[in-house]
Amino acid sequence: MTPAAHKDSATADTGTAGTTPTSSTDDSGTATGAELAATGANPATPWALGGGAVALTAGAGLVLAARRRSAADR
């Protein structure tokens, strides 16, 4: 590859023309004026975790009840 071709490929359009960054960093690497990235968690997460815990506990109770019942039948 010739130096001119290399220069052209390094500055090729990447499809990001006209966009502006929403945050920047200063010389120390600290974000200036930026918000934290979204993690995907939402207000329903504790409810989902609580529901899962209730379902797990109920399932464990049913398994124990079934074992006791089958042991009593012997």
C-alpha atoms as a PDB file:
ATOM      1  CA  MET A   1       0.000   0.000   0.000  1.00  0.00           C
ATOM      2  CA  THR A   2       1.361   3.386  -0.929  1.00  0.00           C
ATOM      3  CA  PRO A   3       1.586   6.133   1.698  1.00  0.00           C
ATOM      4  CA  ALA A   4      -1.078   8.155  -0.139  1.00  0.00           C
ATOM      5  CA  ALA A   5      -3.468   5.178  -0.196  1.00  0.00           C
ATOM      6  CA  HIS A   6      -2.820   4.565   3.499  1.00  0.00           C
ATOM      7  CA  LYS A   7      -3.628   8.194   4.294  1.00  0.00           C
ATOM      8  CA  ASP A   8      -6.882   7.985   2.338  1.00  0.00           C
ATOM      9  CA  SER A   9      -7.974   4.797   4.096  1.00  0.00           C
ATOM     10  CA  ALA A  10      -7.164   6.258   7.520  1.00  0.00           C
ATOM     11  CA  THR A  11      -9.386   9.274   6.906  1.00  0.00           C
ATOM     12  CA  ALA A  12     -12.198   7.423   5.153  1.00  0.00           C
ATOM     13  CA  ASP A  13     -15.759   8.324   6.064  1.00  0.00           C
ATOM     14  CA  THR A  14     -16.905   6.117   8.944  1.00  0.00           C
ATOM     15  CA  GLY A  15     -20.523   7.239   8.874  1.00  0.00           C
ATOM     16  CA  THR A  16     -20.188   9.437  11.952  1.00  0.00           C
ATOM     17  CA  ALA A  17     -20.130  12.793  10.186  1.00  0.00           C
ATOM     18  CA  GLY A  18     -22.263  15.422  11.859  1.00  0.00           C
ATOM     19  CA  THR A  19     -22.409  13.733  15.259  1.00  0.00           C
ATOM     20  CA  THR A  20     -21.200  15.404  18.390  1.00  0.00           C
ATOM     21  CA  PRO A  21     -20.054  13.624  21.539  1.00  0.00           C
ATOM     22  CA  THR A  22     -22.348  13.895  24.541  1.00  0.00           C
ATOM     23  CA  SER A  23     -19.517  13.897  27.052  1.00  0.00           C
ATOM     24  CA  SER A  24     -15.819  14.541  27.219  1.00  0.00           C
ATOM     25  CA  THR A  25     -12.959  14.013  29.585  1.00  0.00           C
ATOM     26  CA  ASP A  26     -10.475  16.484  30.941  1.00  0.00           C
ATOM     27  CA  ASP A  27      -6.707  15.904  31.085  1.00  0.00           C
ATOM     28  CA  SER A  28      -6.983  13.841  34.280  1.00  0.00           C
ATOM     29  CA  GLY A  29      -9.417  11.392  32.640  1.00  0.00           C
ATOM     30  CA  THR A  30     -12.395  12.550  34.679  1.00  0.00           C
ATOM     31  CA  ALA A  31     -15.693  12.889  32.840  1.00  0.00           C
ATOM     32  CA  THR A  32     -16.915  16.441  32.580  1.00  0.00           C
ATOM     33  CA  GLY A  33     -20.657  16.971  32.614  1.00  0.00           C
ATOM     34  CA  ALA A  34     -21.483  13.392  31.659  1.00  0.00           C
ATOM     35  CA  GLU A  35     -24.232  11.182  32.997  1.00  0.00           C
ATOM     36  CA  LEU A  36     -23.693   7.553  33.870  1.00  0.00           C
ATOM     37  CA  ALA A  37     -24.533   5.009  31.230  1.00  0.00           C
ATOM     38  CA  ALA A  38     -27.851   3.205  31.449  1.00  0.00           C
ATOM     39  CA  THR A  39     -27.426  -0.296  32.855  1.00  0.00           C
ATOM     40  CA  GLY A  40     -30.760  -1.702  31.784  1.00  0.00           C
ATOM     41  CA  ALA A  41     -32.168  -1.905  35.301  1.00  0.00           C
ATOM     42  CA  ASN A  42     -35.559  -0.347  35.834  1.00  0.00           C
ATOM     43  CA  PRO A  43     -37.978   0.127  38.744  1.00  0.00           C
ATOM     44  CA  ALA A  44     -39.563  -3.298  38.131  1.00  0.00           C
ATOM     45  CA  THR A  45     -36.327  -5.159  38.949  1.00  0.00           C
ATOM     46  CA  PRO A  46     -36.979  -5.491  42.723  1.00  0.00           C
ATOM     47  CA  TRP A  47     -40.494  -6.759  41.986  1.00  0.00           C
ATOM     48  CA  ALA A  48     -39.134  -9.343  39.561  1.00  0.00           C
ATOM     49  CA  LEU A  49     -36.517 -10.493  42.073  1.00  0.00           C
ATOM     50  CA  GLY A  50     -39.143 -10.672  44.836  1.00  0.00           C
ATOM     51  CA  GLY A  51     -41.490 -12.663  42.605  1.00  0.00           C
ATOM     52  CA  GLY A  52     -38.691 -15.077  41.770  1.00  0.00           C
ATOM     53  CA  ALA A  53     -37.890 -15.530  45.456  1.00  0.00           C
ATOM     54  CA  VAL A  54     -41.554 -16.226  46.266  1.00  0.00           C
ATOM     55  CA  ALA A  55     -41.807 -18.759  43.430  1.00  0.00           C
ATOM     56  CA  LEU A  56     -38.593 -20.488  44.541  1.00  0.00           C
ATOM     57  CA  THR A  57     -39.778 -20.673  48.142  1.00  0.00           C
ATOM     58  CA  ALA A  58     -43.183 -22.010  47.090  1.00  0.00           C
ATOM     59  CA  GLY A  59     -41.548 -24.643  44.895  1.00  0.00           C
ATOM     60  CA  ALA A  60     -39.243 -25.743  47.701  1.00  0.00           C
ATOM     61  CA  GLY A  61     -42.259 -26.007  50.034  1.00  0.00           C
ATOM     62  CA  LEU A  62     -44.125 -28.169  47.532  1.00  0.00           C
ATOM     63  CA  VAL A  63     -41.119 -30.476  47.125  1.00  0.00           C
ATOM     64  CA  LEU A  64     -40.805 -30.886  50.902  1.00  0.00           C
ATOM     65  CA  ALA A  65     -44.543 -31.557  51.249  1.00  0.00           C
ATOM     66  CA  ALA A  66     -44.415 -34.172  48.496  1.00  0.00           C
ATOM     67  CA  ARG A  67     -41.452 -35.928  50.159  1.00  0.00           C
ATOM     68  CA  ARG A  68     -43.180 -36.006  53.529  1.00  0.00           C
ATOM     69  CA  ARG A  69     -46.364 -37.333  51.951  1.00  0.00           C
ATOM     70  CA  SER A  70     -44.525 -40.085  50.072  1.00  0.00           C
ATOM     71  CA  ALA A  71     -42.555 -40.993  53.232  1.00  0.00           C
ATOM     72  CA  ALA A  72     -45.796 -41.233  55.223  1.00  0.00           C
ATOM     73  CA  ASP A  73     -47.290 -43.623  52.613  1.00  0.00           C
ATOM     74  CA  ARG A  74     -44.483 -46.178  53.096  1.00  0.00           C
END
